[in-house]
């Protein structure tokens, strides 16, 4: 039962990328202007925020 939930969360994660890319880009732009981070760090922030927020949304979709 738990394995099925994990698989479903991972399946739901991929469509959630569509909803989380734009906020991640905006947040990375804000951090770049506010703290003058490098382009490499900006890309890492975009990928991390996109993945974690998509995972959170998929988890909420599965259990709520």
C-alpha atoms as a PDB file:
ATOM      1  CA  UNK A   1       0.000   0.000   0.000  1.00  0.00           C
ATOM      2  CA  UNK A   2       2.800   2.440   0.859  1.00  0.00           C
ATOM      3  CA  UNK A   3       4.713   1.570  -2.336  1.00  0.00           C
ATOM      4  CA  UNK A   4       1.605   2.345  -4.378  1.00  0.00           C
ATOM      5  CA  UNK A   5       1.312   5.763  -2.708  1.00  0.00           C
ATOM      6  CA  UNK A   6       4.959   6.552  -3.435  1.00  0.00           C
ATOM      7  CA  UNK A   7       4.568   5.564  -7.079  1.00  0.00           C
ATOM      8  CA  UNK A   8       1.426   7.688  -7.434  1.00  0.00           C
ATOM      9  CA  UNK A   9       3.170  10.683  -5.846  1.00  0.00           C
ATOM     10  CA  UNK A  10       6.046  10.334  -8.310  1.00  0.00           C
ATOM     11  CA  UNK A  11       3.583  10.054 -11.196  1.00  0.00           C
ATOM     12  CA  UNK A  12       1.772  13.202 -10.033  1.00  0.00           C
ATOM     13  CA  UNK A  13       5.090  15.042  -9.699  1.00  0.00           C
ATOM     14  CA  UNK A  14       5.709  15.282 -13.436  1.00  0.00           C
ATOM     15  CA  UNK A  15       2.558  17.282 -14.310  1.00  0.00           C
ATOM     16  CA  UNK A  16       3.165  19.504 -11.272  1.00  0.00           C
ATOM     17  CA  UNK A  17       6.397  20.698 -12.903  1.00  0.00           C
ATOM     18  CA  UNK A  18       4.224  22.747 -15.248  1.00  0.00           C
ATOM     19  CA  UNK A  19       2.760  24.638 -12.295  1.00  0.00           C
ATOM     20  CA  UNK A  20       6.007  25.136 -10.395  1.00  0.00           C
ATOM     21  CA  UNK A  21       8.524  26.248 -13.013  1.00  0.00           C
ATOM     22  CA  UNK A  22       7.288  29.838 -13.298  1.00  0.00           C
ATOM     23  CA  UNK A  23       7.296  30.566  -9.516  1.00  0.00           C
ATOM     24  CA  UNK A  24      10.776  29.028  -9.248  1.00  0.00           C
ATOM     25  CA  UNK A  25      12.089  31.267 -12.022  1.00  0.00           C
ATOM     26  CA  UNK A  26      10.559  34.350 -10.413  1.00  0.00           C
ATOM     27  CA  UNK A  27      12.031  33.468  -7.003  1.00  0.00           C
ATOM     28  CA  UNK A  28      15.465  32.840  -8.528  1.00  0.00           C
ATOM     29  CA  UNK A  29      15.285  36.205 -10.339  1.00  0.00           C
ATOM     30  CA  UNK A  30      14.419  37.880  -7.047  1.00  0.00           C
ATOM     31  CA  UNK A  31      17.355  36.203  -5.307  1.00  0.00           C
ATOM     32  CA  UNK A  32      19.664  37.180  -8.151  1.00  0.00           C
ATOM     33  CA  UNK A  33      18.721  40.842  -7.877  1.00  0.00           C
ATOM     34  CA  UNK A  34      18.545  40.972  -4.084  1.00  0.00           C
ATOM     35  CA  UNK A  35      21.654  38.938  -3.191  1.00  0.00           C
ATOM     36  CA  UNK A  36      23.553  39.052  -6.514  1.00  0.00           C
ATOM     37  CA  UNK A  37      23.922  35.285  -6.813  1.00  0.00           C
ATOM     38  CA  UNK A  38      25.776  33.798  -9.763  1.00  0.00           C
ATOM     39  CA  UNK A  39      24.064  32.210 -12.755  1.00  0.00           C
ATOM     40  CA  UNK A  40      25.177  28.738 -11.642  1.00  0.00           C
ATOM     41  CA  UNK A  41      23.547  29.173  -8.243  1.00  0.00           C
ATOM     42  CA  UNK A  42      20.449  30.624  -9.864  1.00  0.00           C
ATOM     43  CA  UNK A  43      20.021  27.455 -11.932  1.00  0.00           C
ATOM     44  CA  UNK A  44      20.464  25.265  -8.874  1.00  0.00           C
ATOM     45  CA  UNK A  45      17.802  27.300  -7.053  1.00  0.00           C
ATOM     46  CA  UNK A  46      15.388  26.949  -9.982  1.00  0.00           C
ATOM     47  CA  UNK A  47      15.811  23.170 -10.195  1.00  0.00           C
ATOM     48  CA  UNK A  48      15.596  22.638  -6.427  1.00  0.00           C
ATOM     49  CA  UNK A  49      12.537  24.830  -5.931  1.00  0.00           C
ATOM     50  CA  UNK A  50      10.789  23.290  -8.932  1.00  0.00           C
ATOM     51  CA  UNK A  51      11.399  19.740  -7.774  1.00  0.00           C
ATOM     52  CA  UNK A  52      10.522  20.253  -4.110  1.00  0.00           C
ATOM     53  CA  UNK A  53       7.422  22.324  -4.758  1.00  0.00           C
ATOM     54  CA  UNK A  54       6.222  19.801  -7.362  1.00  0.00           C
ATOM     55  CA  UNK A  55       6.807  17.013  -4.846  1.00  0.00           C
ATOM     56  CA  UNK A  56       4.859  18.898  -2.172  1.00  0.00           C
ATOM     57  CA  UNK A  57       1.957  19.571  -4.544  1.00  0.00           C
ATOM     58  CA  UNK A  58       1.890  15.928  -5.645  1.00  0.00           C
ATOM     59  CA  UNK A  59       1.882  14.758  -2.027  1.00  0.00           C
ATOM     60  CA  UNK A  60      -0.981  17.077  -1.205  1.00  0.00           C
ATOM     61  CA  UNK A  61      -2.870  15.866  -4.252  1.00  0.00           C
ATOM     62  CA  UNK A  62      -2.431  12.250  -3.192  1.00  0.00           C
ATOM     63  CA  UNK A  63      -3.463  12.611   0.445  1.00  0.00           C
ATOM     64  CA  UNK A  64      -6.043  15.386   0.465  1.00  0.00           C
END
